[in-house]
């Protein structure tokens, strides 16, 4: 008799399907996140350049308070949300597969 807490082969198939089917989207989310995080420096530099008549500290203050910089931070937040969402779902699928491996190994040991 099978215990209800066991992970089924069907659940493992779904986890493997998820990993395979979402690999490209997860990679794109990671690439987008890295891009927007790095592009933040470009946005800051461009705004600081526009305020070249000010001291470096005041240029930085103007850059950080500029609506374009704030808007870019919102883009970073969205990119991180998507990337982390993929990461957590991949980790959950990986954990399920690992638990299934342990479960299968334990079953073989009992036989």
PDB file of N, CA and C in Angstrom:
ATOM      1  N   UNK A   1       0.841  -1.171   0.000  1.00  0.00           N
ATOM      2  CA  UNK A   1       0.000   0.000   0.000  1.00  0.00           C
ATOM      3  C   UNK A   1       0.894   1.246   0.000  1.00  0.00           C
ATOM      4  N   UNK A   2       0.589   2.179  -0.891  1.00  0.00           N
ATOM      5  CA  UNK A   2       1.406   3.384  -1.027  1.00  0.00           C
ATOM      6  C   UNK A   2       0.936   4.453  -0.053  1.00  0.00           C
ATOM      7  N   UNK A   3       1.886   5.060   0.618  1.00  0.00           N
ATOM      8  CA  UNK A   3       1.613   6.157   1.542  1.00  0.00           C
ATOM      9  C   UNK A   3       1.230   7.394   0.735  1.00  0.00           C
ATOM     10  N   UNK A   4       0.235   8.143   1.177  1.00  0.00           N
ATOM     11  CA  UNK A   4      -0.237   9.319   0.451  1.00  0.00           C
ATOM     12  C   UNK A   4       0.799  10.449   0.416  1.00  0.00           C
ATOM     13  N   UNK A   5       1.766  10.426   1.296  1.00  0.00           N
ATOM     14  CA  UNK A   5       2.762  11.496   1.314  1.00  0.00           C
ATOM     15  C   UNK A   5       3.866  11.264   0.283  1.00  0.00           C
ATOM     16  N   UNK A   6       3.830  10.128  -0.391  1.00  0.00           N
ATOM     17  CA  UNK A   6       4.844   9.857  -1.397  1.00  0.00           C
ATOM     18  C   UNK A   6       4.643  10.759  -2.615  1.00  0.00           C
ATOM     19  N   UNK A   7       5.747  11.087  -3.225  1.00  0.00           N
ATOM     20  CA  UNK A   7       5.721  11.877  -4.449  1.00  0.00           C
ATOM     21  C   UNK A   7       5.536  10.897  -5.598  1.00  0.00           C
ATOM     22  N   UNK A   8       4.573  11.178  -6.437  1.00  0.00           N
ATOM     23  CA  UNK A   8       4.252  10.259  -7.536  1.00  0.00           C
ATOM     24  C   UNK A   8       5.135  10.537  -8.746  1.00  0.00           C
ATOM     25  N   UNK A   9       5.216   9.546  -9.621  1.00  0.00           N
ATOM     26  CA  UNK A   9       5.956   9.714 -10.867  1.00  0.00           C
ATOM     27  C   UNK A   9       5.347  10.838 -11.701  1.00  0.00           C
ATOM     28  N   UNK A  10       4.022  10.973 -11.643  1.00  0.00           N
ATOM     29  CA  UNK A  10       3.344  12.035 -12.386  1.00  0.00           C
ATOM     30  C   UNK A  10       3.786  13.412 -11.885  1.00  0.00           C
ATOM     31  N   UNK A  11       3.929  13.553 -10.573  1.00  0.00           N
ATOM     32  CA  UNK A  11       4.398  14.827 -10.014  1.00  0.00           C
ATOM     33  C   UNK A  11       5.820  15.134 -10.466  1.00  0.00           C
ATOM     34  N   UNK A  12       6.641  14.113 -10.543  1.00  0.00           N
ATOM     35  CA  UNK A  12       8.021  14.294 -11.002  1.00  0.00           C
ATOM     36  C   UNK A  12       8.043  14.671 -12.478  1.00  0.00           C
ATOM     37  N   UNK A  13       7.194  14.023 -13.259  1.00  0.00           N
ATOM     38  CA  UNK A  13       7.099  14.380 -14.678  1.00  0.00           C
ATOM     39  C   UNK A  13       6.719  15.851 -14.838  1.00  0.00           C
ATOM     40  N   UNK A  14       5.786  16.304 -14.025  1.00  0.00           N
ATOM     41  CA  UNK A  14       5.367  17.712 -14.087  1.00  0.00           C
ATOM     42  C   UNK A  14       6.507  18.640 -13.677  1.00  0.00           C
ATOM     43  N   UNK A  15       7.262  18.260 -12.670  1.00  0.00           N
ATOM     44  CA  UNK A  15       8.392  19.079 -12.231  1.00  0.00           C
ATOM     45  C   UNK A  15       9.448  19.147 -13.332  1.00  0.00           C
ATOM     46  N   UNK A  16       9.746  18.012 -13.944  1.00  0.00           N
ATOM     47  CA  UNK A  16      10.722  17.988 -15.036  1.00  0.00           C
ATOM     48  C   UNK A  16      10.226  18.791 -16.241  1.00  0.00           C
ATOM     49  N   UNK A  17       8.932  18.650 -16.543  1.00  0.00           N
ATOM     50  CA  UNK A  17       8.345  19.434 -17.631  1.00  0.00           C
ATOM     51  C   UNK A  17       8.476  20.923 -17.347  1.00  0.00           C
ATOM     52  N   UNK A  18       8.201  21.315 -16.101  1.00  0.00           N
ATOM     53  CA  UNK A  18       8.310  22.723 -15.736  1.00  0.00           C
ATOM     54  C   UNK A  18       9.740  23.218 -15.967  1.00  0.00           C
ATOM     55  N   UNK A  19      10.724  22.470 -15.486  1.00  0.00           N
ATOM     56  CA  UNK A  19      12.118  22.885 -15.644  1.00  0.00           C
ATOM     57  C   UNK A  19      12.485  23.026 -17.122  1.00  0.00           C
ATOM     58  N   UNK A  20      12.066  22.049 -17.921  1.00  0.00           N
ATOM     59  CA  UNK A  20      12.373  22.083 -19.354  1.00  0.00           C
ATOM     60  C   UNK A  20      11.629  23.220 -20.056  1.00  0.00           C
ATOM     61  N   UNK A  21      10.343  23.331 -19.798  1.00  0.00           N
ATOM     62  CA  UNK A  21       9.501  24.281 -20.525  1.00  0.00           C
ATOM     63  C   UNK A  21       9.758  25.734 -20.143  1.00  0.00           C
ATOM     64  N   UNK A  22      10.320  25.969 -18.985  1.00  0.00           N
ATOM     65  CA  UNK A  22      10.518  27.341 -18.519  1.00  0.00           C
ATOM     66  C   UNK A  22      11.974  27.783 -18.509  1.00  0.00           C
ATOM     67  N   UNK A  23      12.852  26.958 -19.011  1.00  0.00           N
ATOM     68  CA  UNK A  23      14.282  27.291 -18.974  1.00  0.00           C
ATOM     69  C   UNK A  23      14.590  28.579 -19.735  1.00  0.00           C
ATOM     70  N   UNK A  24      14.038  28.726 -20.921  1.00  0.00           N
ATOM     71  CA  UNK A  24      14.320  29.927 -21.721  1.00  0.00           C
ATOM     72  C   UNK A  24      13.749  31.180 -21.062  1.00  0.00           C
ATOM     73  N   UNK A  25      12.516  31.094 -20.557  1.00  0.00           N
ATOM     74  CA  UNK A  25      11.918  32.251 -19.879  1.00  0.00           C
ATOM     75  C   UNK A  25      12.717  32.624 -18.630  1.00  0.00           C
ATOM     76  N   UNK A  26      13.174  31.619 -17.904  1.00  0.00           N
ATOM     77  CA  UNK A  26      13.971  31.881 -16.704  1.00  0.00           C
ATOM     78  C   UNK A  26      15.299  32.534 -17.085  1.00  0.00           C
ATOM     79  N   UNK A  27      15.914  32.053 -18.151  1.00  0.00           N
ATOM     80  CA  UNK A  27      17.180  32.640 -18.602  1.00  0.00           C
ATOM     81  C   UNK A  27      16.967  34.084 -19.059  1.00  0.00           C
ATOM     82  N   UNK A  28      15.872  34.328 -19.748  1.00  0.00           N
ATOM     83  CA  UNK A  28      15.585  35.691 -20.205  1.00  0.00           C
ATOM     84  C   UNK A  28      15.321  36.613 -19.026  1.00  0.00           C
ATOM     85  N   UNK A  29      14.614  36.121 -18.020  1.00  0.00           N
ATOM     86  CA  UNK A  29      14.354  36.928 -16.824  1.00  0.00           C
ATOM     87  C   UNK A  29      15.662  37.275 -16.125  1.00  0.00           C
ATOM     88  N   UNK A  30      16.583  36.332 -16.054  1.00  0.00           N
ATOM     89  CA  UNK A  30      17.893  36.582 -15.437  1.00  0.00           C
ATOM     90  C   UNK A  30      18.675  37.606 -16.250  1.00  0.00           C
ATOM     91  N   UNK A  31      18.670  37.460 -17.565  1.00  0.00           N
ATOM     92  CA  UNK A  31      19.379  38.401 -18.432  1.00  0.00           C
ATOM     93  C   UNK A  31      18.791  39.804 -18.305  1.00  0.00           C
ATOM     94  N   UNK A  32      17.472  39.895 -18.279  1.00  0.00           N
ATOM     95  CA  UNK A  32      16.809  41.187 -18.131  1.00  0.00           C
ATOM     96  C   UNK A  32      17.156  41.837 -16.800  1.00  0.00           C
ATOM     97  N   UNK A  33      17.194  41.036 -15.762  1.00  0.00           N
ATOM     98  CA  UNK A  33      17.530  41.562 -14.437  1.00  0.00           C
ATOM     99  C   UNK A  33      18.949  42.135 -14.431  1.00  0.00           C
ATOM    100  N   UNK A  34      19.893  41.380 -14.955  1.00  0.00           N
ATOM    101  CA  UNK A  34      21.276  41.857 -14.976  1.00  0.00           C
ATOM    102  C   UNK A  34      21.382  43.135 -15.808  1.00  0.00           C
ATOM    103  N   UNK A  35      20.694  43.159 -16.936  1.00  0.00           N
ATOM    104  CA  UNK A  35      20.743  44.335 -17.807  1.00  0.00           C
ATOM    105  C   UNK A  35      20.209  45.577 -17.093  1.00  0.00           C
ATOM    106  N   UNK A  36      19.026  45.486 -16.501  1.00  0.00           N
ATOM    107  CA  UNK A  36      18.458  46.686 -15.864  1.00  0.00           C
ATOM    108  C   UNK A  36      19.262  47.100 -14.641  1.00  0.00           C
ATOM    109  N   UNK A  37      19.836  46.126 -13.941  1.00  0.00           N
ATOM    110  CA  UNK A  37      20.673  46.494 -12.792  1.00  0.00           C
ATOM    111  C   UNK A  37      21.916  47.254 -13.248  1.00  0.00           C
ATOM    112  N   UNK A  38      22.507  46.838 -14.332  1.00  0.00           N
ATOM    113  CA  UNK A  38      23.688  47.514 -14.855  1.00  0.00           C
ATOM    114  C   UNK A  38      23.323  48.832 -15.532  1.00  0.00           C
ATOM    115  N   UNK A  39      22.198  48.854 -16.205  1.00  0.00           N
ATOM    116  CA  UNK A  39      21.782  50.061 -16.926  1.00  0.00           C
ATOM    117  C   UNK A  39      21.466  51.211 -15.959  1.00  0.00           C
ATOM    118  N   UNK A  40      21.204  50.878 -14.728  1.00  0.00           N
ATOM    119  CA  UNK A  40      20.967  51.900 -13.697  1.00  0.00           C
ATOM    120  C   UNK A  40      22.145  52.863 -13.657  1.00  0.00           C
ATOM    121  N   UNK A  41      23.344  52.356 -13.823  1.00  0.00           N
ATOM    122  CA  UNK A  41      24.542  53.203 -13.803  1.00  0.00           C
ATOM    123  C   UNK A  41      24.542  54.187 -14.971  1.00  0.00           C
ATOM    124  N   UNK A  42      24.050  53.735 -16.126  1.00  0.00           N
ATOM    125  CA  UNK A  42      23.982  54.595 -17.301  1.00  0.00           C
ATOM    126  C   UNK A  42      22.983  55.722 -17.062  1.00  0.00           C
ATOM    127  N   UNK A  43      21.818  55.373 -16.526  1.00  0.00           N
ATOM    128  CA  UNK A  43      20.803  56.383 -16.242  1.00  0.00           C
ATOM    129  C   UNK A  43      21.364  57.428 -15.281  1.00  0.00           C
ATOM    130  N   UNK A  44      22.003  56.964 -14.231  1.00  0.00           N
ATOM    131  CA  UNK A  44      22.585  57.875 -13.242  1.00  0.00           C
ATOM    132  C   UNK A  44      23.637  58.772 -13.899  1.00  0.00           C
ATOM    133  N   UNK A  45      24.525  58.200 -14.689  1.00  0.00           N
ATOM    134  CA  UNK A  45      25.591  58.973 -15.330  1.00  0.00           C
ATOM    135  C   UNK A  45      25.025  60.015 -16.290  1.00  0.00           C
ATOM    136  N   UNK A  46      24.002  59.653 -17.040  1.00  0.00           N
ATOM    137  CA  UNK A  46      23.411  60.596 -17.987  1.00  0.00           C
ATOM    138  C   UNK A  46      22.786  61.784 -17.252  1.00  0.00           C
ATOM    139  N   UNK A  47      22.091  61.501 -16.167  1.00  0.00           N
ATOM    140  CA  UNK A  47      21.460  62.584 -15.401  1.00  0.00           C
ATOM    141  C   UNK A  47      22.521  63.453 -14.737  1.00  0.00           C
ATOM    142  N   UNK A  48      23.562  62.815 -14.201  1.00  0.00           N
ATOM    143  CA  UNK A  48      24.643  63.594 -13.595  1.00  0.00           C
ATOM    144  C   UNK A  48      25.303  64.489 -14.638  1.00  0.00           C
ATOM    145  N   UNK A  49      25.491  63.978 -15.838  1.00  0.00           N
ATOM    146  CA  UNK A  49      26.107  64.756 -16.908  1.00  0.00           C
ATOM    147  C   UNK A  49      25.271  65.992 -17.246  1.00  0.00           C
ATOM    148  N   UNK A  50      23.947  65.818 -17.212  1.00  0.00           N
ATOM    149  CA  UNK A  50      23.051  66.956 -17.473  1.00  0.00           C
ATOM    150  C   UNK A  50      23.205  68.049 -16.418  1.00  0.00           C
ATOM    151  N   UNK A  51      23.696  67.678 -15.249  1.00  0.00           N
ATOM    152  CA  UNK A  51      23.879  68.627 -14.147  1.00  0.00           C
ATOM    153  C   UNK A  51      25.362  68.887 -13.910  1.00  0.00           C
ATOM    154  N   UNK A  52      26.129  68.924 -14.980  1.00  0.00           N
ATOM    155  CA  UNK A  52      27.578  69.064 -14.907  1.00  0.00           C
ATOM    156  C   UNK A  52      28.060  70.332 -14.228  1.00  0.00           C
ATOM    157  N   UNK A  53      27.220  71.340 -14.156  1.00  0.00           N
ATOM    158  CA  UNK A  53      27.608  72.591 -13.510  1.00  0.00           C
ATOM    159  C   UNK A  53      27.624  72.471 -11.988  1.00  0.00           C
ATOM    160  N   UNK A  54      27.056  71.402 -11.461  1.00  0.00           N
ATOM    161  CA  UNK A  54      27.000  71.185 -10.013  1.00  0.00           C
ATOM    162  C   UNK A  54      28.186  70.353  -9.547  1.00  0.00           C
ATOM    163  N   UNK A  55      28.422  70.355  -8.256  1.00  0.00           N
ATOM    164  CA  UNK A  55      29.467  69.491  -7.693  1.00  0.00           C
ATOM    165  C   UNK A  55      29.040  68.042  -7.843  1.00  0.00           C
ATOM    166  N   UNK A  56      29.992  67.132  -7.717  1.00  0.00           N
ATOM    167  CA  UNK A  56      29.692  65.705  -7.855  1.00  0.00           C
ATOM    168  C   UNK A  56      28.613  65.237  -6.899  1.00  0.00           C
ATOM    169  N   UNK A  57      28.661  65.711  -5.664  1.00  0.00           N
ATOM    170  CA  UNK A  57      27.667  65.296  -4.676  1.00  0.00           C
ATOM    171  C   UNK A  57      26.270  65.791  -5.068  1.00  0.00           C
ATOM    172  N   UNK A  58      26.199  67.030  -5.549  1.00  0.00           N
ATOM    173  CA  UNK A  58      24.896  67.564  -5.961  1.00  0.00           C
ATOM    174  C   UNK A  58      24.405  66.894  -7.245  1.00  0.00           C
ATOM    175  N   UNK A  59      25.333  66.563  -8.140  1.00  0.00           N
ATOM    176  CA  UNK A  59      24.946  65.816  -9.342  1.00  0.00           C
ATOM    177  C   UNK A  59      24.305  64.484  -8.950  1.00  0.00           C
ATOM    178  N   UNK A  60      24.932  63.813  -8.008  1.00  0.00           N
ATOM    179  CA  UNK A  60      24.409  62.517  -7.551  1.00  0.00           C
ATOM    180  C   UNK A  60      23.036  62.679  -6.913  1.00  0.00           C
ATOM    181  N   UNK A  61      22.877  63.700  -6.094  1.00  0.00           N
ATOM    182  CA  UNK A  61      21.574  63.963  -5.466  1.00  0.00           C
ATOM    183  C   UNK A  61      20.503  64.183  -6.534  1.00  0.00           C
ATOM    184  N   UNK A  62      20.842  64.974  -7.540  1.00  0.00           N
ATOM    185  CA  UNK A  62      19.885  65.241  -8.619  1.00  0.00           C
ATOM    186  C   UNK A  62      19.544  63.956  -9.381  1.00  0.00           C
ATOM    187  N   UNK A  63      20.553  63.137  -9.606  1.00  0.00           N
ATOM    188  CA  UNK A  63      20.321  61.881 -10.334  1.00  0.00           C
ATOM    189  C   UNK A  63      19.385  60.971  -9.559  1.00  0.00           C
ATOM    190  N   UNK A  64      19.648  60.794  -8.268  1.00  0.00           N
ATOM    191  CA  UNK A  64      18.833  59.886  -7.463  1.00  0.00           C
ATOM    192  C   UNK A  64      17.396  60.376  -7.299  1.00  0.00           C
ATOM    193  N   UNK A  65      17.180  61.660  -7.396  1.00  0.00           N
ATOM    194  CA  UNK A  65      15.821  62.185  -7.223  1.00  0.00           C
ATOM    195  C   UNK A  65      15.100  62.409  -8.551  1.00  0.00           C
ATOM    196  N   UNK A  66      15.779  62.192  -9.640  1.00  0.00           N
ATOM    197  CA  UNK A  66      15.189  62.408 -10.965  1.00  0.00           C
ATOM    198  C   UNK A  66      14.118  61.350 -11.248  1.00  0.00           C
ATOM    199  N   UNK A  67      12.987  61.762 -11.815  1.00  0.00           N
ATOM    200  CA  UNK A  67      11.908  60.792 -12.129  1.00  0.00           C
ATOM    201  C   UNK A  67      12.357  59.652 -13.045  1.00  0.00           C
ATOM    202  N   UNK A  68      13.313  59.914 -13.934  1.00  0.00           N
ATOM    203  CA  UNK A  68      13.798  58.849 -14.822  1.00  0.00           C
ATOM    204  C   UNK A  68      14.532  57.770 -14.027  1.00  0.00           C
ATOM    205  N   UNK A  69      15.272  58.191 -13.023  1.00  0.00           N
ATOM    206  CA  UNK A  69      15.989  57.227 -12.175  1.00  0.00           C
ATOM    207  C   UNK A  69      14.988  56.430 -11.349  1.00  0.00           C
ATOM    208  N   UNK A  70      14.022  57.114 -10.786  1.00  0.00           N
ATOM    209  CA  UNK A  70      12.989  56.441  -9.983  1.00  0.00           C
ATOM    210  C   UNK A  70      12.209  55.460 -10.849  1.00  0.00           C
ATOM    211  N   UNK A  71      11.897  55.862 -12.066  1.00  0.00           N
ATOM    212  CA  UNK A  71      11.192  54.968 -12.994  1.00  0.00           C
ATOM    213  C   UNK A  71      12.050  53.741 -13.305  1.00  0.00           C
ATOM    214  N   UNK A  72      13.344  53.957 -13.455  1.00  0.00           N
ATOM    215  CA  UNK A  72      14.222  52.822 -13.727  1.00  0.00           C
ATOM    216  C   UNK A  72      14.283  51.875 -12.529  1.00  0.00           C
ATOM    217  N   UNK A  73      14.252  52.418 -11.326  1.00  0.00           N
ATOM    218  CA  UNK A  73      14.219  51.557 -10.139  1.00  0.00           C
ATOM    219  C   UNK A  73      12.975  50.673 -10.145  1.00  0.00           C
ATOM    220  N   UNK A  74      11.871  51.194 -10.641  1.00  0.00           N
ATOM    221  CA  UNK A  74      10.651  50.380 -10.760  1.00  0.00           C
ATOM    222  C   UNK A  74      10.852  49.251 -11.769  1.00  0.00           C
ATOM    223  N   UNK A  75      11.581  49.535 -12.844  1.00  0.00           N
ATOM    224  CA  UNK A  75      11.893  48.489 -13.822  1.00  0.00           C
ATOM    225  C   UNK A  75      12.781  47.424 -13.190  1.00  0.00           C
ATOM    226  N   UNK A  76      13.721  47.854 -12.352  1.00  0.00           N
ATOM    227  CA  UNK A  76      14.582  46.892 -11.652  1.00  0.00           C
ATOM    228  C   UNK A  76      13.742  46.025 -10.734  1.00  0.00           C
ATOM    229  N   UNK A  77      12.825  46.648 -10.008  1.00  0.00           N
ATOM    230  CA  UNK A  77      11.967  45.874  -9.101  1.00  0.00           C
ATOM    231  C   UNK A  77      11.198  44.801  -9.863  1.00  0.00           C
ATOM    232  N   UNK A  78      10.651  45.144 -11.009  1.00  0.00           N
ATOM    233  CA  UNK A  78       9.888  44.179 -11.809  1.00  0.00           C
ATOM    234  C   UNK A  78      10.797  43.065 -12.335  1.00  0.00           C
ATOM    235  N   UNK A  79      11.986  43.422 -12.789  1.00  0.00           N
ATOM    236  CA  UNK A  79      12.924  42.413 -13.293  1.00  0.00           C
ATOM    237  C   UNK A  79      13.342  41.455 -12.179  1.00  0.00           C
ATOM    238  N   UNK A  80      13.580  41.979 -10.999  1.00  0.00           N
ATOM    239  CA  UNK A  80      13.953  41.134  -9.864  1.00  0.00           C
ATOM    240  C   UNK A  80      12.788  40.228  -9.487  1.00  0.00           C
ATOM    241  N   UNK A  81      11.566  40.775  -9.501  1.00  0.00           N
ATOM    242  CA  UNK A  81      10.376  39.970  -9.166  1.00  0.00           C
ATOM    243  C   UNK A  81      10.248  38.781 -10.124  1.00  0.00           C
ATOM    244  N   UNK A  82      10.407  39.035 -11.397  1.00  0.00           N
ATOM    245  CA  UNK A  82      10.293  37.950 -12.381  1.00  0.00           C
ATOM    246  C   UNK A  82      11.418  36.933 -12.229  1.00  0.00           C
ATOM    247  N   UNK A  83      12.639  37.413 -12.075  1.00  0.00           N
ATOM    248  CA  UNK A  83      13.783  36.514 -11.939  1.00  0.00           C
ATOM    249  C   UNK A  83      13.668  35.674 -10.673  1.00  0.00           C
ATOM    250  N   UNK A  84      13.348  36.301  -9.571  1.00  0.00           N
ATOM    251  CA  UNK A  84      13.226  35.563  -8.312  1.00  0.00           C
ATOM    252  C   UNK A  84      12.049  34.587  -8.356  1.00  0.00           C
ATOM    253  N   UNK A  85      10.971  34.964  -9.023  1.00  0.00           N
ATOM    254  CA  UNK A  85       9.842  34.040  -9.172  1.00  0.00           C
ATOM    255  C   UNK A  85      10.270  32.769  -9.885  1.00  0.00           C
ATOM    256  N   UNK A  86      11.015  32.932 -10.981  1.00  0.00           N
ATOM    257  CA  UNK A  86      11.529  31.752 -11.692  1.00  0.00           C
ATOM    258  C   UNK A  86      12.479  30.958 -10.801  1.00  0.00           C
ATOM    259  N   UNK A  87      13.331  31.656 -10.077  1.00  0.00           N
ATOM    260  CA  UNK A  87      14.311  30.969  -9.222  1.00  0.00           C
ATOM    261  C   UNK A  87      13.620  30.140  -8.144  1.00  0.00           C
ATOM    262  N   UNK A  88      12.602  30.710  -7.501  1.00  0.00           N
ATOM    263  CA  UNK A  88      11.898  29.980  -6.450  1.00  0.00           C
ATOM    264  C   UNK A  88      11.146  28.775  -7.010  1.00  0.00           C
ATOM    265  N   UNK A  89      10.534  28.929  -8.185  1.00  0.00           N
ATOM    266  CA  UNK A  89       9.820  27.799  -8.788  1.00  0.00           C
ATOM    267  C   UNK A  89      10.790  26.704  -9.232  1.00  0.00           C
ATOM    268  N   UNK A  90      11.952  27.095  -9.757  1.00  0.00           N
ATOM    269  CA  UNK A  90      12.971  26.095 -10.113  1.00  0.00           C
ATOM    270  C   UNK A  90      13.452  25.360  -8.869  1.00  0.00           C
ATOM    271  N   UNK A  91      13.669  26.112  -7.791  1.00  0.00           N
ATOM    272  CA  UNK A  91      14.138  25.488  -6.545  1.00  0.00           C
ATOM    273  C   UNK A  91      13.090  24.521  -6.009  1.00  0.00           C
ATOM    274  N   UNK A  92      11.816  24.882  -6.116  1.00  0.00           N
ATOM    275  CA  UNK A  92      10.753  23.985  -5.650  1.00  0.00           C
ATOM    276  C   UNK A  92      10.721  22.708  -6.486  1.00  0.00           C
ATOM    277  N   UNK A  93      10.860  22.839  -7.802  1.00  0.00           N
ATOM    278  CA  UNK A  93      10.883  21.655  -8.669  1.00  0.00           C
ATOM    279  C   UNK A  93      12.105  20.793  -8.371  1.00  0.00           C
ATOM    280  N   UNK A  94      13.246  21.433  -8.188  1.00  0.00           N
ATOM    281  CA  UNK A  94      14.470  20.693  -7.847  1.00  0.00           C
ATOM    282  C   UNK A  94      14.320  19.957  -6.515  1.00  0.00           C
ATOM    283  N   UNK A  95      13.725  20.622  -5.530  1.00  0.00           N
ATOM    284  CA  UNK A  95      13.536  19.999  -4.213  1.00  0.00           C
ATOM    285  C   UNK A  95      12.601  18.800  -4.309  1.00  0.00           C
ATOM    286  N   UNK A  96      11.554  18.925  -5.104  1.00  0.00           N
ATOM    287  CA  UNK A  96      10.621  17.805  -5.275  1.00  0.00           C
ATOM    288  C   UNK A  96      11.325  16.622  -5.924  1.00  0.00           C
ATOM    289  N   UNK A  97      12.132  16.898  -6.933  1.00  0.00           N
ATOM    290  CA  UNK A  97      12.863  15.834  -7.617  1.00  0.00           C
ATOM    291  C   UNK A  97      13.847  15.170  -6.652  1.00  0.00           C
ATOM    292  N   UNK A  98      14.542  15.955  -5.861  1.00  0.00           N
ATOM    293  CA  UNK A  98      15.499  15.405  -4.903  1.00  0.00           C
ATOM    294  C   UNK A  98      14.790  14.567  -3.845  1.00  0.00           C
ATOM    295  N   UNK A  99      13.635  15.039  -3.374  1.00  0.00           N
ATOM    296  CA  UNK A  99      12.864  14.262  -2.392  1.00  0.00           C
ATOM    297  C   UNK A  99      12.401  12.947  -3.016  1.00  0.00           C
ATOM    298  N   UNK A 100      11.999  12.985  -4.275  1.00  0.00           N
ATOM    299  CA  UNK A 100      11.574  11.780  -4.975  1.00  0.00           C
ATOM    300  C   UNK A 100      12.742  10.804  -5.103  1.00  0.00           C
ATOM    301  N   UNK A 101      13.927  11.322  -5.396  1.00  0.00           N
ATOM    302  CA  UNK A 101      15.114  10.448  -5.495  1.00  0.00           C
ATOM    303  C   UNK A 101      15.364   9.738  -4.158  1.00  0.00           C
ATOM    304  N   UNK A 102      15.295  10.513  -3.087  1.00  0.00           N
ATOM    305  CA  UNK A 102      15.502   9.928  -1.747  1.00  0.00           C
ATOM    306  C   UNK A 102      14.424   8.896  -1.452  1.00  0.00           C
ATOM    307  N   UNK A 103      13.200   9.248  -1.756  1.00  0.00           N
ATOM    308  CA  UNK A 103      12.080   8.332  -1.540  1.00  0.00           C
ATOM    309  C   UNK A 103      12.278   7.050  -2.337  1.00  0.00           C
ATOM    310  N   UNK A 104      12.681   7.182  -3.598  1.00  0.00           N
ATOM    311  CA  UNK A 104      12.886   6.010  -4.454  1.00  0.00           C
ATOM    312  C   UNK A 104      14.034   5.151  -3.922  1.00  0.00           C
ATOM    313  N   UNK A 105      15.086   5.795  -3.482  1.00  0.00           N
ATOM    314  CA  UNK A 105      16.235   5.078  -2.925  1.00  0.00           C
ATOM    315  C   UNK A 105      15.831   4.320  -1.672  1.00  0.00           C
ATOM    316  N   UNK A 106      15.048   4.965  -0.817  1.00  0.00           N
ATOM    317  CA  UNK A 106      14.585   4.303   0.401  1.00  0.00           C
ATOM    318  C   UNK A 106      13.684   3.098   0.091  1.00  0.00           C
ATOM    319  N   UNK A 107      12.844   3.247  -0.914  1.00  0.00           N
ATOM    320  CA  UNK A 107      11.976   2.128  -1.316  1.00  0.00           C
ATOM    321  C   UNK A 107      12.800   0.966  -1.831  1.00  0.00           C
ATOM    322  N   UNK A 108      13.835   1.256  -2.634  1.00  0.00           N
ATOM    323  CA  UNK A 108      14.685   0.178  -3.155  1.00  0.00           C
ATOM    324  C   UNK A 108      15.434  -0.515  -2.023  1.00  0.00           C
ATOM    325  N   UNK A 109      15.819   0.246  -1.042  1.00  0.00           N
ATOM    326  CA  UNK A 109      16.564  -0.333   0.096  1.00  0.00           C
ATOM    327  C   UNK A 109      15.688  -1.269   0.908  1.00  0.00           C
ATOM    328  N   UNK A 110      14.388  -1.027   0.937  1.00  0.00           N
ATOM    329  CA  UNK A 110      13.467  -1.871   1.691  1.00  0.00           C
ATOM    330  C   UNK A 110      13.178  -3.182   0.992  1.00  0.00           C
ATOM    331  N   UNK A 111      13.415  -3.213  -0.303  1.00  0.00           N
ATOM    332  CA  UNK A 111      13.065  -4.414  -1.090  1.00  0.00           C
ATOM    333  C   UNK A 111      14.098  -5.488  -0.952  1.00  0.00           C
TER     334      UNK A 111
END
